[in-house]
C-alpha atoms as a PDB file:
ATOM      1  CA  MET A   1     -13.470-131.371-152.307  1.00  0.00           C
ATOM      2  CA  ILE A   2     -13.163-130.117-148.752  1.00  0.00           C
ATOM      3  CA  THR A   3     -13.521-126.824-146.954  1.00  0.00           C
ATOM      4  CA  ARG A   4     -11.041-126.680-144.107  1.00  0.00           C
ATOM      5  CA  ILE A   5     -12.656-124.217-141.685  1.00  0.00           C
ATOM      6  CA  THR A   6     -12.363-124.517-137.924  1.00  0.00           C
ATOM      7  CA  THR A   7     -15.979-124.920-137.344  1.00  0.00           C
ATOM      8  CA  GLY A   8     -15.514-128.407-136.173  1.00  0.00           C
ATOM      9  CA  LEU A   9     -16.099-128.322-139.326  1.00  0.00           C
ATOM     10  CA  SER A  10     -12.693-124.995-139.544  1.00  0.00           C
ATOM     11  CA  ALA A  11     -13.201-123.621-141.232  1.00  0.00           C
ATOM     12  CA  LEU A  12     -13.071-123.833-141.445  1.00  0.00           C
ATOM     13  CA  THR A  13     -12.118-125.069-141.822  1.00  0.00           C
ATOM     14  CA  LEU A  14     -13.326-123.235-141.342  1.00  0.00           C
ATOM     15  CA  ALA A  15     -13.568-123.843-140.969  1.00  0.00           C
ATOM     16  CA  SER A  16     -11.879-127.519-141.893  1.00  0.00           C
ATOM     17  CA  ALA A  17     -10.173-130.749-141.073  1.00  0.00           C
ATOM     18  CA  LEU A  18      -9.804-134.334-142.249  1.00  0.00           C
ATOM     19  CA  TRP A  19     -11.974-136.515-140.067  1.00  0.00           C
ATOM     20  CA  VAL A  20     -11.167-140.205-139.809  1.00  0.00           C
ATOM     21  CA  LEU A  21     -11.530-142.788-137.040  1.00  0.00           C
ATOM     22  CA  PRO A  22      -8.277-144.717-136.556  1.00  0.00           C
ATOM     23  CA  ALA A  23      -8.861-148.458-136.925  1.00  0.00           C
ATOM     24  CA  ALA A  24      -7.106-149.283-133.659  1.00  0.00           C
ATOM     25  CA  ALA A  25      -9.423-146.972-131.731  1.00  0.00           C
ATOM     26  CA  ALA A  26     -12.530-148.394-133.416  1.00  0.00           C
ATOM     27  CA  GLU A  27     -11.554-151.950-132.493  1.00  0.00           C
ATOM     28  CA  SER A  28     -10.952-151.154-128.816  1.00  0.00           C
ATOM     29  CA  GLY A  29     -14.547-150.147-128.117  1.00  0.00           C
ATOM     30  CA  PRO A  30     -16.478-146.879-127.819  1.00  0.00           C
ATOM     31  CA  LEU A  31     -14.389-143.736-127.610  1.00  0.00           C
ATOM     32  CA  SER A  32     -14.670-141.376-124.652  1.00  0.00           C
ATOM     33  CA  ALA A  33     -15.416-137.682-125.063  1.00  0.00           C
ATOM     34  CA  LYS A  34     -11.763-136.753-124.587  1.00  0.00           C
ATOM     35  CA  GLU A  35     -10.643-139.393-127.110  1.00  0.00           C
ATOM     36  CA  ILE A  36     -13.092-138.136-129.750  1.00  0.00           C
ATOM     37  CA  ALA A  37     -12.037-134.533-129.153  1.00  0.00           C
ATOM     38  CA  LYS A  38      -8.349-135.471-129.194  1.00  0.00           C
ATOM     39  CA  HIS A  39      -8.645-137.171-132.601  1.00  0.00           C
ATOM     40  CA  LEU A  40     -10.636-134.296-134.095  1.00  0.00           C
ATOM     41  CA  SER A  41      -8.249-131.723-132.665  1.00  0.00           C
ATOM     42  CA  ALA A  42      -5.183-133.519-134.027  1.00  0.00           C
ATOM     43  CA  LEU A  43      -6.723-133.778-137.466  1.00  0.00           C
ATOM     44  CA  GLN A  44      -7.355-130.036-137.534  1.00  0.00           C
ATOM     45  CA  GLN A  45      -3.770-129.291-136.545  1.00  0.00           C
ATOM     46  CA  ASP A  46      -2.356-131.049-139.589  1.00  0.00           C
ATOM     47  CA  GLY A  47       0.111-128.501-140.908  1.00  0.00           C
ATOM     48  CA  SER A  48      -0.063-126.487-144.128  1.00  0.00           C
ATOM     49  CA  SER A  49      -2.752-126.602-146.807  1.00  0.00           C
ATOM     50  CA  TYR A  50      -4.290-124.639-149.655  1.00  0.00           C
ATOM     51  CA  VAL A  51      -8.047-124.630-150.305  1.00  0.00           C
ATOM     52  CA  ARG A  52     -10.319-123.209-152.991  1.00  0.00           C
ATOM     53  CA  LEU A  53     -14.040-122.904-152.306  1.00  0.00           C
ATOM     54  CA  ARG A  54     -17.223-121.162-153.324  1.00  0.00           C
ATOM     55  CA  LEU A  55     -19.123-119.241-150.686  1.00  0.00           C
ATOM     56  CA  ASN A  56     -22.812-118.448-151.277  1.00  0.00           C
ATOM     57  CA  VAL A  57     -24.731-116.246-148.833  1.00  0.00           C
ATOM     58  CA  GLU A  58     -28.541-116.450-148.753  1.00  0.00           C
ATOM     59  CA  GLU A  59     -30.749-114.164-146.670  1.00  0.00           C
ATOM     60  CA  PRO A  60     -33.387-115.385-146.171  1.00  0.00           C
ATOM     61  CA  PRO A  61     -32.608-119.006-147.170  1.00  0.00           C
ATOM     62  CA  GLY A  62     -33.627-119.690-150.761  1.00  0.00           C
ATOM     63  CA  THR A  63     -32.797-116.176-151.939  1.00  0.00           C
ATOM     64  CA  LYS A  64     -29.316-115.861-153.403  1.00  0.00           C
ATOM     65  CA  LYS A  65     -27.532-112.780-152.129  1.00  0.00           C
ATOM     66  CA  THR A  66     -23.781-113.098-152.633  1.00  0.00           C
ATOM     67  CA  GLY A  67     -21.466-115.542-154.404  1.00  0.00           C
ATOM     68  CA  LEU A  68     -17.707-115.484-153.811  1.00  0.00           C
ATOM     69  CA  GLN A  69     -14.751-117.570-154.983  1.00  0.00           C
ATOM     70  CA  ILE A  70     -12.161-117.756-152.198  1.00  0.00           C
ATOM     71  CA  GLN A  71      -8.699-119.164-151.708  1.00  0.00           C
ATOM     72  CA  ILE A  72      -7.419-120.155-148.276  1.00  0.00           C
ATOM     73  CA  GLN A  73      -3.804-120.485-147.214  1.00  0.00           C
ATOM     74  CA  GLN A  74      -3.382-121.956-143.766  1.00  0.00           C
ATOM     75  CA  ARG A  75      -0.827-123.346-141.349  1.00  0.00           C
ATOM     76  CA  ARG A  76      -2.280-125.146-138.340  1.00  0.00           C
ATOM     77  CA  THR A  77      -0.191-126.738-135.597  1.00  0.00           C
ATOM     78  CA  PRO A  78      -0.799-127.500-131.891  1.00  0.00           C
ATOM     79  CA  SER A  79       1.105-124.332-130.955  1.00  0.00           C
ATOM     80  CA  ALA A  80      -0.212-121.777-133.470  1.00  0.00           C
ATOM     81  CA  THR A  81      -2.626-121.153-136.336  1.00  0.00           C
ATOM     82  CA  ASP A  82      -2.179-118.713-139.241  1.00  0.00           C
ATOM     83  CA  VAL A  83      -4.764-118.325-142.016  1.00  0.00           C
ATOM     84  CA  ILE A  84      -5.358-116.021-144.974  1.00  0.00           C
ATOM     85  CA  TYR A  85      -8.714-115.857-146.789  1.00  0.00           C
ATOM     86  CA  GLN A  86      -8.638-113.994-150.135  1.00  0.00           C
ATOM     87  CA  ILE A  87     -11.452-113.236-152.587  1.00  0.00           C
ATOM     88  CA  LEU A  88     -10.672-114.260-156.182  1.00  0.00           C
ATOM     89  CA  TRP A  89     -14.083-113.429-157.677  1.00  0.00           C
ATOM     90  CA  PRO A  90     -16.147-111.332-158.384  1.00  0.00           C
ATOM     91  CA  LYS A  91     -13.740-108.905-160.023  1.00  0.00           C
ATOM     92  CA  GLU A  92     -14.937-105.871-158.061  1.00  0.00           C
ATOM     93  CA  ARG A  93     -13.953-107.563-154.769  1.00  0.00           C
ATOM     94  CA  MET A  94     -10.856-109.382-155.981  1.00  0.00           C
ATOM     95  CA  GLY A  95      -7.985-109.079-153.526  1.00  0.00           C
ATOM     96  CA  GLU A  96     -10.076-108.348-150.434  1.00  0.00           C
ATOM     97  CA  ALA A  97      -8.514-110.478-147.739  1.00  0.00           C
ATOM     98  CA  VAL A  98      -8.377-111.375-144.063  1.00  0.00           C
ATOM     99  CA  LEU A  99      -5.348-112.534-142.072  1.00  0.00           C
ATOM    100  CA  LEU A 100      -5.942-114.234-138.717  1.00  0.00           C
ATOM    101  CA  LYS A 101      -3.347-115.403-136.211  1.00  0.00           C
ATOM    102  CA  LYS A 102      -3.604-117.296-132.936  1.00  0.00           C
ATOM    103  CA  ALA A 103      -0.869-118.717-130.701  1.00  0.00           C
ATOM    104  CA  GLY A 104      -1.719-121.213-127.968  1.00  0.00           C
ATOM    105  CA  ASN A 105      -4.443-119.944-125.646  1.00  0.00           C
ATOM    106  CA  GLN A 106      -3.803-116.319-126.548  1.00  0.00           C
ATOM    107  CA  ALA A 107      -6.630-114.275-128.048  1.00  0.00           C
ATOM    108  CA  ALA A 108      -6.770-114.217-131.846  1.00  0.00           C
ATOM    109  CA  THR A 109      -5.820-111.102-133.799  1.00  0.00           C
ATOM    110  CA  GLY A 110      -5.766-110.226-137.465  1.00  0.00           C
ATOM    111  CA  THR A 111      -5.981-107.772-140.340  1.00  0.00           C
ATOM    112  CA  HIS A 112      -8.675-106.989-142.930  1.00  0.00           C
ATOM    113  CA  PHE A 113      -7.405-105.629-146.263  1.00  0.00           C
ATOM    114  CA  VAL A 114      -9.482-103.971-149.000  1.00  0.00           C
ATOM    115  CA  PRO A 115      -7.614-102.923-152.182  1.00  0.00           C
ATOM    116  CA  PRO A 116      -5.958-100.706-152.957  1.00  0.00           C
ATOM    117  CA  GLU A 117      -4.686 -99.593-149.533  1.00  0.00           C
ATOM    118  CA  THR A 118      -7.342 -99.941-146.799  1.00  0.00           C
ATOM    119  CA  VAL A 119      -5.939-101.885-143.843  1.00  0.00           C
ATOM    120  CA  LYS A 120      -7.878-102.489-140.616  1.00  0.00           C
ATOM    121  CA  SER A 121      -6.414-104.204-137.561  1.00  0.00           C
ATOM    122  CA  LEU A 122      -8.606-106.841-135.912  1.00  0.00           C
ATOM    123  CA  SER A 123      -8.483-107.432-132.158  1.00  0.00           C
ATOM    124  CA  SER A 124     -10.093-110.152-130.080  1.00  0.00           C
ATOM    125  CA  GLN A 125     -13.217-107.949-129.920  1.00  0.00           C
ATOM    126  CA  ASN A 126     -13.563-108.274-133.705  1.00  0.00           C
ATOM    127  CA  MET A 127     -13.717-112.080-133.683  1.00  0.00           C
ATOM    128  CA  GLN A 128     -17.521-111.885-133.754  1.00  0.00           C
ATOM    129  CA  ASP A 129     -17.401-109.923-137.025  1.00  0.00           C
ATOM    130  CA  PRO A 130     -18.543-111.738-140.189  1.00  0.00           C
ATOM    131  CA  LEU A 131     -16.167-113.018-142.871  1.00  0.00           C
ATOM    132  CA  PHE A 132     -16.896-111.106-146.107  1.00  0.00           C
ATOM    133  CA  GLY A 133     -20.541-110.579-145.064  1.00  0.00           C
ATOM    134  CA  SER A 134     -21.155-114.310-144.604  1.00  0.00           C
ATOM    135  CA  ASP A 135     -22.582-116.224-141.642  1.00  0.00           C
ATOM    136  CA  LEU A 136     -19.097-117.262-140.517  1.00  0.00           C
ATOM    137  CA  ALA A 137     -17.507-115.222-137.744  1.00  0.00           C
ATOM    138  CA  TYR A 138     -13.737-114.753-137.731  1.00  0.00           C
ATOM    139  CA  ALA A 139     -13.658-116.940-134.623  1.00  0.00           C
ATOM    140  CA  ASP A 140     -15.065-119.843-136.643  1.00  0.00           C
ATOM    141  CA  LEU A 141     -11.996-119.758-138.871  1.00  0.00           C
ATOM    142  CA  ILE A 142      -9.337-119.661-136.178  1.00  0.00           C
ATOM    143  CA  GLU A 143     -10.622-121.434-133.058  1.00  0.00           C
ATOM    144  CA  ASN A 144     -10.134-125.144-132.379  1.00  0.00           C
ATOM    145  CA  PHE A 145     -12.759-125.934-129.767  1.00  0.00           C
ATOM    146  CA  TYR A 146     -11.809-129.622-129.757  1.00  0.00           C
ATOM    147  CA  ALA A 147      -8.655-128.519-127.917  1.00  0.00           C
ATOM    148  CA  TRP A 148     -10.635-126.887-125.100  1.00  0.00           C
ATOM    149  CA  ASP A 149     -10.248-128.300-121.599  1.00  0.00           C
ATOM    150  CA  SER A 150     -13.830-129.471-121.072  1.00  0.00           C
ATOM    151  CA  GLN A 151     -15.094-132.274-123.359  1.00  0.00           C
ATOM    152  CA  THR A 152     -18.160-134.331-122.364  1.00  0.00           C
ATOM    153  CA  LEU A 153     -20.650-136.645-124.034  1.00  0.00           C
ATOM    154  CA  GLU A 154     -24.257-135.452-123.681  1.00  0.00           C
ATOM    155  CA  GLY A 155     -26.186-138.367-125.168  1.00  0.00           C
ATOM    156  CA  GLU A 156     -26.841-139.426-128.735  1.00  0.00           C
ATOM    157  CA  GLU A 157     -29.231-138.527-131.540  1.00  0.00           C
ATOM    158  CA  MET A 158     -30.010-139.602-135.090  1.00  0.00           C
ATOM    159  CA  ILE A 159     -28.940-137.235-137.875  1.00  0.00           C
ATOM    160  CA  GLY A 160     -30.705-138.604-140.930  1.00  0.00           C
ATOM    161  CA  LYS A 161     -29.995-142.340-140.726  1.00  0.00           C
ATOM    162  CA  VAL A 162     -26.791-141.946-138.710  1.00  0.00           C
ATOM    163  CA  ASN A 163     -26.609-142.352-134.948  1.00  0.00           C
ATOM    164  CA  CYS A 164     -24.359-139.607-133.568  1.00  0.00           C
ATOM    165  CA  GLN A 165     -22.696-139.010-130.227  1.00  0.00           C
ATOM    166  CA  ILE A 166     -23.247-135.469-128.946  1.00  0.00           C
ATOM    167  CA  LEU A 167     -19.938-133.987-127.838  1.00  0.00           C
ATOM    168  CA  GLU A 168     -20.058-130.781-125.780  1.00  0.00           C
ATOM    169  CA  SER A 169     -16.943-128.592-125.704  1.00  0.00           C
ATOM    170  CA  LYS A 170     -16.374-125.712-123.272  1.00  0.00           C
ATOM    171  CA  PRO A 171     -13.360-123.395-122.929  1.00  0.00           C
ATOM    172  CA  GLY A 172     -11.315-123.648-119.749  1.00  0.00           C
ATOM    173  CA  ASN A 173      -9.641-120.915-117.732  1.00  0.00           C
ATOM    174  CA  GLY A 174      -7.463-118.821-119.998  1.00  0.00           C
ATOM    175  CA  GLN A 175      -9.013-120.185-123.205  1.00  0.00           C
ATOM    176  CA  SER A 176     -10.530-117.184-124.965  1.00  0.00           C
ATOM    177  CA  SER A 177     -13.599-117.567-127.210  1.00  0.00           C
ATOM    178  CA  ILE A 178     -16.700-115.711-128.360  1.00  0.00           C
ATOM    179  CA  TYR A 179     -18.613-118.909-127.521  1.00  0.00           C
ATOM    180  CA  THR A 180     -19.465-120.352-124.119  1.00  0.00           C
ATOM    181  CA  SER A 181     -19.978-123.871-125.464  1.00  0.00           C
ATOM    182  CA  VAL A 182     -20.119-125.886-128.694  1.00  0.00           C
ATOM    183  CA  ARG A 183     -22.022-129.108-129.376  1.00  0.00           C
ATOM    184  CA  SER A 184     -20.990-131.534-132.139  1.00  0.00           C
ATOM    185  CA  TRP A 185     -23.102-134.404-133.438  1.00  0.00           C
ATOM    186  CA  VAL A 186     -20.312-136.852-134.360  1.00  0.00           C
ATOM    187  CA  ASP A 187     -20.679-139.888-136.607  1.00  0.00           C
ATOM    188  CA  THR A 188     -18.203-142.021-134.653  1.00  0.00           C
ATOM    189  CA  ASP A 189     -17.958-144.701-137.364  1.00  0.00           C
ATOM    190  CA  ARG A 190     -16.301-142.151-139.658  1.00  0.00           C
ATOM    191  CA  LEU A 191     -15.536-139.514-137.006  1.00  0.00           C
ATOM    192  CA  VAL A 192     -17.293-136.841-139.049  1.00  0.00           C
ATOM    193  CA  PRO A 193     -19.237-134.065-137.285  1.00  0.00           C
ATOM    194  CA  LEU A 194     -22.573-133.971-139.104  1.00  0.00           C
ATOM    195  CA  ARG A 195     -23.853-130.978-137.156  1.00  0.00           C
ATOM    196  CA  VAL A 196     -22.220-128.358-134.931  1.00  0.00           C
ATOM    197  CA  GLU A 197     -24.089-125.822-132.795  1.00  0.00           C
ATOM    198  CA  LYS A 198     -22.400-122.883-131.087  1.00  0.00           C
ATOM    199  CA  PHE A 199     -23.731-121.080-128.015  1.00  0.00           C
ATOM    200  CA  GLN A 200     -23.179-117.682-126.436  1.00  0.00           C
ATOM    201  CA  GLY A 201     -24.532-118.008-122.930  1.00  0.00           C
ATOM    202  CA  SER A 202     -27.317-120.408-122.065  1.00  0.00           C
ATOM    203  CA  GLY A 203     -30.381-121.070-124.181  1.00  0.00           C
ATOM    204  CA  LYS A 204     -30.566-121.420-127.943  1.00  0.00           C
ATOM    205  CA  PRO A 205     -27.554-121.717-130.250  1.00  0.00           C
ATOM    206  CA  VAL A 206     -26.541-118.676-132.276  1.00  0.00           C
ATOM    207  CA  ARG A 207     -24.847-120.555-135.133  1.00  0.00           C
ATOM    208  CA  ARG A 208     -25.352-123.996-136.682  1.00  0.00           C
ATOM    209  CA  ILE A 209     -23.058-125.787-139.160  1.00  0.00           C
ATOM    210  CA  VAL A 210     -24.453-128.742-141.085  1.00  0.00           C
ATOM    211  CA  THR A 211     -22.400-131.162-143.188  1.00  0.00           C
ATOM    212  CA  THR A 212     -24.378-131.652-146.406  1.00  0.00           C
ATOM    213  CA  LEU A 213     -21.935-133.901-148.272  1.00  0.00           C
ATOM    214  CA  VAL A 214     -19.371-136.421-147.021  1.00  0.00           C
ATOM    215  CA  THR A 215     -16.873-137.909-149.475  1.00  0.00           C
ATOM    216  CA  LYS A 216     -14.328-140.703-149.129  1.00  0.00           C
ATOM    217  CA  GLU A 217     -10.767-140.158-150.278  1.00  0.00           C
ATOM    218  CA  ASP A 218      -8.562-142.818-151.884  1.00  0.00           C
ATOM    219  CA  ASN A 219      -6.783-143.313-148.553  1.00  0.00           C
ATOM    220  CA  GLY A 220     -10.087-144.202-146.871  1.00  0.00           C
ATOM    221  CA  GLN A 221     -10.543-140.933-145.024  1.00  0.00           C
ATOM    222  CA  HIS A 222     -14.059-139.503-144.863  1.00  0.00           C
ATOM    223  CA  ILE A 223     -14.238-135.776-145.501  1.00  0.00           C
ATOM    224  CA  PRO A 224     -17.042-133.195-145.120  1.00  0.00           C
ATOM    225  CA  ALA A 225     -17.001-131.720-148.625  1.00  0.00           C
ATOM    226  CA  ASN A 226     -19.882-129.223-148.414  1.00  0.00           C
ATOM    227  CA  LEU A 227     -21.313-127.302-145.463  1.00  0.00           C
ATOM    228  CA  ASP A 228     -24.223-125.016-144.621  1.00  0.00           C
ATOM    229  CA  VAL A 229     -23.572-122.353-141.970  1.00  0.00           C
ATOM    230  CA  GLN A 230     -26.708-120.845-140.446  1.00  0.00           C
ATOM    231  CA  ASP A 231     -26.866-117.655-138.393  1.00  0.00           C
ATOM    232  CA  LEU A 232     -29.903-118.509-136.270  1.00  0.00           C
ATOM    233  CA  ARG A 233     -30.338-114.913-135.104  1.00  0.00           C
ATOM    234  CA  LYS A 234     -30.999-113.420-138.546  1.00  0.00           C
ATOM    235  CA  ASN A 235     -32.331-116.401-140.519  1.00  0.00           C
ATOM    236  CA  SER A 236     -29.544-116.473-143.104  1.00  0.00           C
ATOM    237  CA  THR A 237     -27.449-119.306-144.546  1.00  0.00           C
ATOM    238  CA  THR A 238     -24.002-119.518-146.102  1.00  0.00           C
ATOM    239  CA  GLU A 239     -23.190-122.480-148.352  1.00  0.00           C
ATOM    240  CA  LEU A 240     -19.568-123.624-148.553  1.00  0.00           C
ATOM    241  CA  GLU A 241     -18.668-125.737-151.570  1.00  0.00           C
ATOM    242  CA  GLY A 242     -15.094-127.014-151.609  1.00  0.00           C
ATOM    243  CA  SER A 243     -13.469-127.349-155.026  1.00  0.00           C
ATOM    244  CA  ARG A 244      -9.751-127.882-154.397  1.00  0.00           C
ATOM    245  CA  LEU A 245      -7.494-129.100-151.605  1.00  0.00           C
ATOM    246  CA  ASN A 246      -3.693-129.254-151.693  1.00  0.00           C
ATOM    247  CA  THR A 247      -1.751-130.423-148.639  1.00  0.00           C
ATOM    248  CA  SER A 248       1.599-130.613-150.483  1.00  0.00           C
ATOM    249  CA  VAL A 249       2.367-126.956-149.833  1.00  0.00           C
ATOM    250  CA  SER A 250       4.812-125.120-147.608  1.00  0.00           C
ATOM    251  CA  TYR A 251       4.539-121.750-145.904  1.00  0.00           C
ATOM    252  CA  GLU A 252       6.949-119.566-143.990  1.00  0.00           C
ATOM    253  CA  ASP A 253       6.324-116.806-141.453  1.00  0.00           C
ATOM    254  CA  GLN A 254       6.506-114.113-144.144  1.00  0.00           C
ATOM    255  CA  ASP A 255       3.565-115.738-145.935  1.00  0.00           C
ATOM    256  CA  PHE A 256       1.311-114.635-143.074  1.00  0.00           C
ATOM    257  CA  THR A 257       2.072-110.933-142.825  1.00  0.00           C
ATOM    258  CA  VAL A 258       0.174-107.784-143.745  1.00  0.00           C
ATOM    259  CA  GLU A 259       2.369-107.409-146.824  1.00  0.00           C
ATOM    260  CA  ALA A 260       1.571-110.964-147.938  1.00  0.00           C
ATOM    261  CA  LEU A 261      -2.108-110.171-147.442  1.00  0.00           C
ATOM    262  CA  LYS A 262      -1.955-107.593-150.230  1.00  0.00           C
ATOM    263  CA  GLU A 263      -0.890-110.099-152.898  1.00  0.00           C
ATOM    264  CA  ILE A 264      -2.670-113.074-154.428  1.00  0.00           C
ATOM    265  CA  LYS A 265      -0.111-115.827-154.815  1.00  0.00           C
ATOM    266  CA  LYS A 266      -0.191-119.437-155.926  1.00  0.00           C
ATOM    267  CA  PRO A 267       0.691-121.948-153.169  1.00  0.00           C
ATOM    268  CA  LYS A 268       4.280-123.125-152.842  1.00  0.00           C
ATOM    269  CA  VAL A 269       4.740-126.850-153.405  1.00  0.00           C
ATOM    270  CA  ALA A 270       6.531-128.489-150.493  1.00  0.00           C
ATOM    271  CA  GLU A 271       9.924-130.006-151.303  1.00  0.00           C
END
């Protein structure tokens, strides 16, 4: 039901987090920029989880290009982030995987594996590279821009029928990123980013992430279930459709190694 990608979405949650406005904060009046960012950052750094999702790449939009089934194993804490993205389908790409690691303000690193034995190391210079040919950069999966030093409110704007606060995030000294700034259109009633735009230098954004479906869990938390990621430089779109989320899992350091990258494993249930 949710794609956890650190896009402000993670990927992301990405890419990638549970977004919910604590009742106590809502009752005390409007939140400041730092308070909004603090809540969103904490909700991204929520420990271990396992995600299944479908990734569809369209270039140009409306023309289906690639469809992938992916599993994500991730461990996100305030001190470090470790993620593995593995292709489950189609069969000819099964087992292709990416491992990304980031500790504190250090630059992210990683490994790209293609069966049977092709292993490529990824440095900070590779964080602009695309994930499996999609419109997500590796940086979108590993960076938490809500933890950056500079967080300001830059007005408000309607997204559909929802009035959103525009939060601008910028990295501070020693905080490495491929982006110079990120803007999030945040529904502060539910604390859900409905749109995120990422910039490299001044001018127009290079990447836009749009929340296309928000669901409400049994515990009252509102979750971005589906996302569209747009590369505004090449007019292409990647759809992310979450299908499974399990937070009752546990991972150890050996689960985020190059050797672990070469195997497709079921998540371990936390004791």
